[in-house]
């Protein structure tokens, strides 16, 4: 069984070296003023201004991302960012591979999940960067090709008008109760279940999945849709993502988010493509997203914040997290395929 991960232990492990980032500055830089905090990035900004726009691949709707880019341009008005939406994170690897054959039209920077980040890098299509040269703490850089951007949290959602607090699912095993049969929704992808293995162990997750399939989950590609279906009463409970459930909650939808112990954590990374045309601008933007200023703007646009910065998600009280380190993505991929097969065979597609 792999070592479990908790936000508290990770934050403590980062230690004093990240205090610059966690207080809105950059590690090792005086925090007396904004210019001092961002001083290591000035050479990048000057070089980037002479190059073309940074083409950024990410999954959020373009109109939602524009306010985030506007905050960046208040600080760096001469560095343009062109946001290109990828409909699903699974599109990222294929897109970068295809564009590597015609790099003149390719993207510069990608912000995506660990498995997609690894998929791009393992094909030699991600640029190694000495991020710490720009004041980025080493713990924000698990590999030279990746810098932490944000965190996504898988969770359980339930309808609060039709499900009492006593009956609401609070653990993963609660989802195997017969009351949810035909009224339980699941993503059509198995990432949340594969993500449980580092803490729960493969054998226990196997057993859980077998029992879960007996409830004939309704499979849906979009976790946004699952949240909406829970709010409408079409579903009573579902496995979802914290940031895709929030829009429904903010609109008054009668749903509640629960984080079972453990909850599957998905760290999202930024990388620079090997064929980037504005490497300096891509570096600048990726590092800016890893500061309080950048990440607060990003979280406001996407709902995804960084645990280790001054963000809303950092204020949420959470149980243990379960996640594969980026170097163990090949093992994660095996678990994803295994549980995808179970979903295809046991779930009722929607």
Protein backbone atom coordinates (compact mmCIF):
# COMPACT_ATOMS: atom_id res chain seq x y z
CA UNK A 1 0.00 0.00 0.00
CA UNK A 2 1.36 3.43 -0.91
CA UNK A 3 1.92 6.13 1.64
CA UNK A 4 -1.13 8.25 2.21
CA UNK A 5 -1.00 11.96 1.57
CA UNK A 6 -2.61 14.65 3.67
CA UNK A 7 -2.69 18.33 2.92
CA UNK A 8 -1.33 19.09 6.38
CA UNK A 9 1.67 16.80 5.98
CA UNK A 10 2.40 18.11 2.49
CA UNK A 11 2.18 21.72 3.60
CA UNK A 12 4.45 20.97 6.56
CA UNK A 13 6.82 19.17 4.22
CA UNK A 14 7.06 22.21 1.98
CA UNK A 15 8.28 24.13 4.99
CA UNK A 16 9.63 27.64 5.22
CA UNK A 17 11.07 27.51 1.72
CA UNK A 18 7.67 28.29 0.23
CA UNK A 19 6.67 31.11 2.51
CA UNK A 20 7.30 33.60 -0.28
CA UNK A 21 4.72 31.96 -2.51
CA UNK A 22 2.28 31.34 0.30
CA UNK A 23 2.29 35.05 1.21
CA UNK A 24 1.95 36.28 -2.35
CA UNK A 25 5.63 36.64 -3.18
CA UNK A 26 8.32 34.35 -4.51
CA UNK A 27 10.56 32.25 -2.28
CA UNK A 28 13.78 33.95 -1.28
CA UNK A 29 12.54 37.39 -2.39
CA UNK A 30 11.78 40.19 0.10
CA UNK A 31 8.05 40.72 0.51
CA UNK A 32 8.16 44.43 1.28
CA UNK A 33 6.58 45.36 -2.04
CA UNK A 34 5.05 43.85 -5.15
CA UNK A 35 7.98 44.83 -7.37
CA UNK A 36 10.43 43.03 -5.08
CA UNK A 37 8.28 39.91 -5.07
CA UNK A 38 8.20 39.69 -8.84
CA UNK A 39 11.72 40.98 -9.48
CA UNK A 40 13.10 37.57 -10.63
CA UNK A 41 10.51 37.52 -13.41
CA UNK A 42 11.39 40.86 -15.02
CA UNK A 43 13.97 39.38 -17.44
CA UNK A 44 11.35 36.88 -18.60
CA UNK A 45 8.78 39.64 -19.08
CA UNK A 46 11.16 41.77 -21.14
CA UNK A 47 12.14 38.83 -23.35
CA UNK A 48 8.54 37.63 -23.71
CA UNK A 49 7.36 41.07 -24.86
CA UNK A 50 9.56 40.70 -27.95
CA UNK A 51 8.01 37.36 -28.86
CA UNK A 52 4.52 36.43 -30.02
CA UNK A 53 1.48 35.66 -27.84
CA UNK A 54 1.55 32.69 -25.47
CA UNK A 55 -0.93 30.07 -26.70
CA UNK A 56 -2.31 28.36 -23.60
CA UNK A 57 -4.28 25.09 -23.63
CA UNK A 58 -6.66 24.61 -20.71
CA UNK A 59 -10.18 23.21 -20.16
CA UNK A 60 -12.14 26.27 -18.99
CA UNK A 61 -14.48 28.19 -21.29
CA UNK A 62 -12.60 31.09 -22.86
CA UNK A 63 -15.02 33.76 -21.66
CA UNK A 64 -14.55 32.64 -18.05
CA UNK A 65 -10.78 32.77 -18.36
CA UNK A 66 -10.55 36.31 -19.73
CA UNK A 67 -10.78 38.01 -16.29
CA UNK A 68 -7.82 35.90 -15.11
CA UNK A 69 -5.78 36.90 -18.13
CA UNK A 70 -6.76 40.54 -17.53
CA UNK A 71 -5.23 40.39 -14.04
CA UNK A 72 -2.01 39.01 -15.55
CA UNK A 73 -1.95 41.81 -18.12
CA UNK A 74 -2.27 44.46 -15.42
CA UNK A 75 1.14 43.33 -14.25
CA UNK A 76 2.55 42.36 -17.65
CA UNK A 77 0.69 44.41 -20.29
CA UNK A 78 3.14 43.58 -23.07
CA UNK A 79 2.80 39.79 -22.84
CA UNK A 80 -0.30 38.49 -24.58
CA UNK A 81 -2.04 35.25 -23.63
CA UNK A 82 -4.27 33.39 -26.10
CA UNK A 83 -6.41 30.89 -24.21
CA UNK A 84 -7.54 27.86 -26.23
CA UNK A 85 -10.07 25.58 -24.60
CA UNK A 86 -9.55 21.83 -24.73
CA UNK A 87 -12.95 20.22 -24.18
CA UNK A 88 -11.53 17.42 -22.05
CA UNK A 89 -8.19 16.78 -20.38
CA UNK A 90 -7.96 13.55 -22.38
CA UNK A 91 -7.57 15.64 -25.53
CA UNK A 92 -4.33 17.23 -24.41
CA UNK A 93 -1.84 14.47 -25.22
CA UNK A 94 -3.31 13.80 -28.66
CA UNK A 95 -3.38 17.52 -29.45
CA UNK A 96 0.25 18.07 -28.48
CA UNK A 97 1.40 14.96 -30.39
CA UNK A 98 -0.42 16.09 -33.51
CA UNK A 99 0.96 19.61 -33.30
CA UNK A 100 4.51 18.39 -32.74
CA UNK A 101 4.44 17.35 -36.40
CA UNK A 102 3.58 20.92 -37.42
CA UNK A 103 5.07 23.01 -34.60
CA UNK A 104 4.61 26.38 -36.30
CA UNK A 105 0.93 26.25 -35.32
CA UNK A 106 1.27 24.61 -31.91
CA UNK A 107 0.58 25.77 -28.39
CA UNK A 108 3.15 27.07 -25.93
CA UNK A 109 1.78 26.02 -22.56
CA UNK A 110 -0.58 23.35 -21.24
CA UNK A 111 -2.30 23.22 -17.85
CA UNK A 112 -3.73 19.78 -17.20
CA UNK A 113 -3.87 16.70 -14.98
CA UNK A 114 -0.94 14.54 -13.89
CA UNK A 115 -1.69 11.71 -16.32
CA UNK A 116 -1.88 14.09 -19.29
CA UNK A 117 1.24 15.94 -18.12
CA UNK A 118 3.10 12.64 -17.92
CA UNK A 119 1.71 11.53 -21.27
CA UNK A 120 3.13 14.61 -22.95
CA UNK A 121 6.48 14.50 -21.16
CA UNK A 122 7.04 10.76 -21.64
CA UNK A 123 6.91 11.37 -25.39
CA UNK A 124 9.63 13.98 -25.15
CA UNK A 125 7.26 16.85 -25.89
CA UNK A 126 7.63 18.87 -22.67
CA UNK A 127 10.43 21.32 -22.00
CA UNK A 128 12.58 20.95 -18.89
CA UNK A 129 12.83 24.23 -16.98
CA UNK A 130 14.97 25.26 -14.02
CA UNK A 131 11.96 26.79 -12.27
CA UNK A 132 13.83 27.36 -9.02
CA UNK A 133 16.11 29.84 -10.81
CA UNK A 134 13.10 32.17 -10.79
CA UNK A 135 12.39 31.82 -7.08
CA UNK A 136 9.90 28.96 -7.35
CA UNK A 137 10.17 26.60 -4.33
CA UNK A 138 11.47 23.14 -5.21
CA UNK A 139 8.34 21.49 -3.79
CA UNK A 140 6.23 23.22 -6.45
CA UNK A 141 8.32 21.40 -9.06
CA UNK A 142 8.11 17.61 -8.72
CA UNK A 143 9.76 17.29 -12.13
CA UNK A 144 11.59 19.84 -14.28
CA UNK A 145 8.86 19.63 -16.91
CA UNK A 146 6.00 20.40 -14.49
CA UNK A 147 5.06 23.19 -12.07
CA UNK A 148 2.01 22.86 -9.80
CA UNK A 149 -0.91 24.96 -11.01
CA UNK A 150 -3.93 23.89 -8.94
CA UNK A 151 -5.74 21.02 -7.23
CA UNK A 152 -8.98 19.25 -8.10
CA UNK A 153 -10.85 17.30 -5.42
CA UNK A 154 -13.11 14.36 -6.17
CA UNK A 155 -16.05 14.23 -3.81
CA UNK A 156 -19.55 12.84 -3.25
CA UNK A 157 -22.60 15.00 -3.97
CA UNK A 158 -26.13 14.41 -2.75
CA UNK A 159 -29.53 16.05 -3.09
CA UNK A 160 -30.39 17.80 0.17
CA UNK A 161 -34.14 18.13 -0.43
CA UNK A 162 -34.73 14.42 -1.06
CA UNK A 163 -31.98 12.86 1.06
CA UNK A 164 -31.93 13.36 4.81
CA UNK A 165 -28.66 14.14 6.57
CA UNK A 166 -28.91 10.77 8.33
CA UNK A 167 -29.17 8.90 5.02
CA UNK A 168 -26.64 11.01 3.11
CA UNK A 169 -23.52 9.13 1.99
CA UNK A 170 -20.52 10.02 4.12
CA UNK A 171 -18.12 7.23 3.20
CA UNK A 172 -17.32 5.35 0.00
CA UNK A 173 -18.92 2.21 1.40
CA UNK A 174 -22.14 4.17 1.99
CA UNK A 175 -22.52 4.41 -1.78
CA UNK A 176 -22.95 0.63 -1.98
CA UNK A 177 -26.23 0.76 0.00
CA UNK A 178 -29.21 -0.51 -2.05
CA UNK A 179 -31.06 2.80 -1.54
CA UNK A 180 -28.91 4.33 -4.29
CA UNK A 181 -29.66 1.70 -6.92
CA UNK A 182 -30.58 3.42 -10.16
CA UNK A 183 -30.38 6.82 -8.46
CA UNK A 184 -26.62 7.14 -8.24
CA UNK A 185 -24.44 8.87 -10.82
CA UNK A 186 -20.79 8.36 -11.68
CA UNK A 187 -18.36 9.89 -14.14
CA UNK A 188 -17.89 7.65 -17.16
CA UNK A 189 -14.17 7.76 -16.37
CA UNK A 190 -12.64 5.97 -13.39
CA UNK A 191 -10.08 8.53 -12.21
CA UNK A 192 -11.75 9.06 -8.80
CA UNK A 193 -11.77 5.33 -8.06
CA UNK A 194 -8.22 4.73 -9.30
CA UNK A 195 -7.18 7.67 -7.14
CA UNK A 196 -8.31 5.82 -4.00
CA UNK A 197 -5.74 3.04 -4.41
CA UNK A 198 -2.71 4.82 -2.85
CA UNK A 199 -4.49 4.96 0.53
CA UNK A 200 -7.11 2.18 0.40
CA UNK A 201 -5.10 -0.38 -1.53
CA UNK A 202 -6.00 -2.13 -4.77
CA UNK A 203 -7.77 -5.13 -3.20
CA UNK A 204 -10.10 -2.97 -1.13
CA UNK A 205 -10.93 -0.70 -4.06
CA UNK A 206 -11.60 -3.77 -6.23
CA UNK A 207 -14.13 -5.01 -3.69
CA UNK A 208 -15.71 -1.58 -3.37
CA UNK A 209 -16.09 -1.28 -7.15
CA UNK A 210 -17.77 -4.69 -7.40
CA UNK A 211 -20.35 -3.64 -4.82
CA UNK A 212 -20.79 -0.21 -6.38
CA UNK A 213 -21.61 -1.74 -9.76
CA UNK A 214 -24.52 -3.62 -8.17
CA UNK A 215 -26.22 -0.23 -7.79
CA UNK A 216 -26.14 0.23 -11.58
CA UNK A 217 -24.69 3.74 -11.60
CA UNK A 218 -25.78 6.16 -14.30
CA UNK A 219 -22.63 7.05 -16.21
CA UNK A 220 -22.18 10.59 -17.51
CA UNK A 221 -19.15 12.11 -19.20
CA UNK A 222 -19.51 15.49 -17.49
CA UNK A 223 -19.31 16.03 -13.74
CA UNK A 224 -21.08 19.35 -14.33
CA UNK A 225 -24.05 17.32 -15.59
CA UNK A 226 -23.92 15.01 -12.58
CA UNK A 227 -24.22 17.98 -10.22
CA UNK A 228 -27.17 19.33 -12.19
CA UNK A 229 -28.88 15.93 -12.21
CA UNK A 230 -28.48 15.72 -8.43
CA UNK A 231 -29.98 19.18 -8.02
CA UNK A 232 -32.99 18.31 -10.19
CA UNK A 233 -33.66 15.08 -8.29
CA UNK A 234 -32.99 12.92 -11.32
CA UNK A 235 -30.15 11.49 -9.24
CA UNK A 236 -29.97 11.36 -5.46
CA UNK A 237 -26.18 11.08 -5.18
CA UNK A 238 -23.13 11.11 -7.42
CA UNK A 239 -19.36 11.11 -7.46
CA UNK A 240 -18.15 14.45 -8.75
CA UNK A 241 -15.57 17.21 -8.57
CA UNK A 242 -15.64 20.10 -6.13
CA UNK A 243 -15.22 22.82 -8.75
CA UNK A 244 -17.83 21.45 -11.18
CA UNK A 245 -20.41 21.20 -8.39
CA UNK A 246 -19.91 24.78 -7.20
CA UNK A 247 -21.75 26.53 -10.08
CA UNK A 248 -24.92 24.52 -9.30
CA UNK A 249 -24.61 25.31 -5.58
CA UNK A 250 -24.06 29.00 -6.32
CA UNK A 251 -27.27 29.04 -8.36
CA UNK A 252 -29.19 27.66 -5.38
CA UNK A 253 -29.24 24.00 -6.39
CA UNK A 254 -30.14 21.74 -3.42
CA UNK A 255 -26.93 19.73 -3.34
CA UNK A 256 -24.15 19.28 -0.81
CA UNK A 257 -20.51 18.30 -1.23
CA UNK A 258 -19.05 15.64 1.07
CA UNK A 259 -15.38 14.64 1.14
CA UNK A 260 -15.12 10.98 2.26
CA UNK A 261 -11.97 9.81 4.00
CA UNK A 262 -9.86 9.45 1.96
CA UNK A 263 -10.77 11.68 -0.97
CA UNK A 264 -9.03 11.36 -4.36
CA UNK A 265 -6.83 14.37 -5.04
CA UNK A 266 -5.79 15.40 -8.54
CA UNK A 267 -2.92 17.86 -8.85
CA UNK A 268 -2.97 19.93 -12.03
CA UNK A 269 0.31 21.03 -13.58
CA UNK A 270 1.51 23.53 -16.13
CA UNK A 271 4.12 22.55 -18.70
CA UNK A 272 5.78 24.19 -21.68
CA UNK A 273 5.75 22.34 -24.99
CA UNK A 274 9.07 21.42 -26.59
CA UNK A 275 8.11 23.43 -29.69
CA UNK A 276 6.94 26.56 -27.83
CA UNK A 277 7.42 29.78 -29.81
CA UNK A 278 7.34 32.01 -26.72
CA UNK A 279 9.20 30.06 -24.07
CA UNK A 280 9.87 33.15 -21.95
CA UNK A 281 6.20 34.16 -21.93
CA UNK A 282 5.08 30.62 -21.13
CA UNK A 283 7.54 30.43 -18.22
CA UNK A 284 6.36 33.81 -16.96
CA UNK A 285 2.69 32.89 -17.09
CA UNK A 286 3.17 29.44 -15.51
CA UNK A 287 5.12 30.97 -12.61
CA UNK A 288 2.59 33.79 -12.19
CA UNK A 289 -0.18 31.17 -11.84
CA UNK A 290 1.82 29.75 -8.93
CA UNK A 291 1.67 33.02 -6.94
CA UNK A 292 -1.15 34.27 -4.74
CA UNK A 293 -2.07 36.93 -7.28
CA UNK A 294 -2.18 34.54 -10.20
CA UNK A 295 -3.78 31.63 -8.43
CA UNK A 296 -6.51 33.70 -6.84
CA UNK A 297 -7.46 34.96 -10.32
CA UNK A 298 -7.29 31.42 -11.70
CA UNK A 299 -9.40 29.99 -8.88
CA UNK A 300 -12.01 32.71 -9.37
CA UNK A 301 -12.26 31.77 -13.05
CA UNK A 302 -12.14 27.99 -12.73
CA UNK A 303 -12.98 27.00 -9.15
CA UNK A 304 -9.61 25.24 -8.96
CA UNK A 305 -7.12 26.69 -6.50
CA UNK A 306 -3.73 25.72 -5.14
CA UNK A 307 -3.63 24.26 -1.61
CA UNK A 308 -0.30 25.93 -0.88
CA UNK A 309 -1.34 29.49 -1.65
CA UNK A 310 -3.79 31.97 -0.17
CA UNK A 311 -6.85 30.52 -1.93
CA UNK A 312 -10.38 29.52 -0.98
CA UNK A 313 -9.69 25.81 -1.38
CA UNK A 314 -6.81 26.13 1.11
CA UNK A 315 -9.38 27.16 3.76
CA UNK A 316 -11.53 24.02 3.40
CA UNK A 317 -11.25 21.44 6.19
CA UNK A 318 -10.46 18.13 4.53
CA UNK A 319 -9.76 14.51 5.50
CA UNK A 320 -6.85 12.48 4.09
CA UNK A 321 -5.98 12.89 0.44
CA UNK A 322 -5.13 9.97 -1.82
CA UNK A 323 -3.03 10.57 -4.92
CA UNK A 324 -0.37 8.95 -7.08
CA UNK A 325 2.83 11.00 -7.34
CA UNK A 326 3.48 12.16 -10.91
CA UNK A 327 6.29 9.61 -11.32
CA UNK A 328 3.76 6.83 -10.63
CA UNK A 329 1.35 7.87 -13.35
CA UNK A 330 2.01 4.63 -15.31
CA UNK A 331 0.62 2.71 -12.31
CA UNK A 332 -2.32 5.11 -12.12
CA UNK A 333 -3.00 4.46 -15.82
CA UNK A 334 -3.25 0.72 -15.12
CA UNK A 335 -5.81 1.32 -12.38
CA UNK A 336 -7.79 3.71 -14.59
CA UNK A 337 -8.02 1.13 -17.35
CA UNK A 338 -9.00 -1.60 -14.90
CA UNK A 339 -11.83 0.39 -13.36
CA UNK A 340 -12.89 1.86 -16.70
CA UNK A 341 -13.55 -1.72 -17.79
CA UNK A 342 -15.68 -2.31 -14.68
CA UNK A 343 -17.64 0.88 -15.35
CA UNK A 344 -18.29 -0.09 -18.96
CA UNK A 345 -19.52 -3.53 -17.94
CA UNK A 346 -21.41 -2.62 -14.82
CA UNK A 347 -22.77 0.88 -15.26
CA UNK A 348 -25.82 1.86 -17.27
CA UNK A 349 -24.53 4.42 -19.85
CA UNK A 350 -26.22 7.80 -20.08
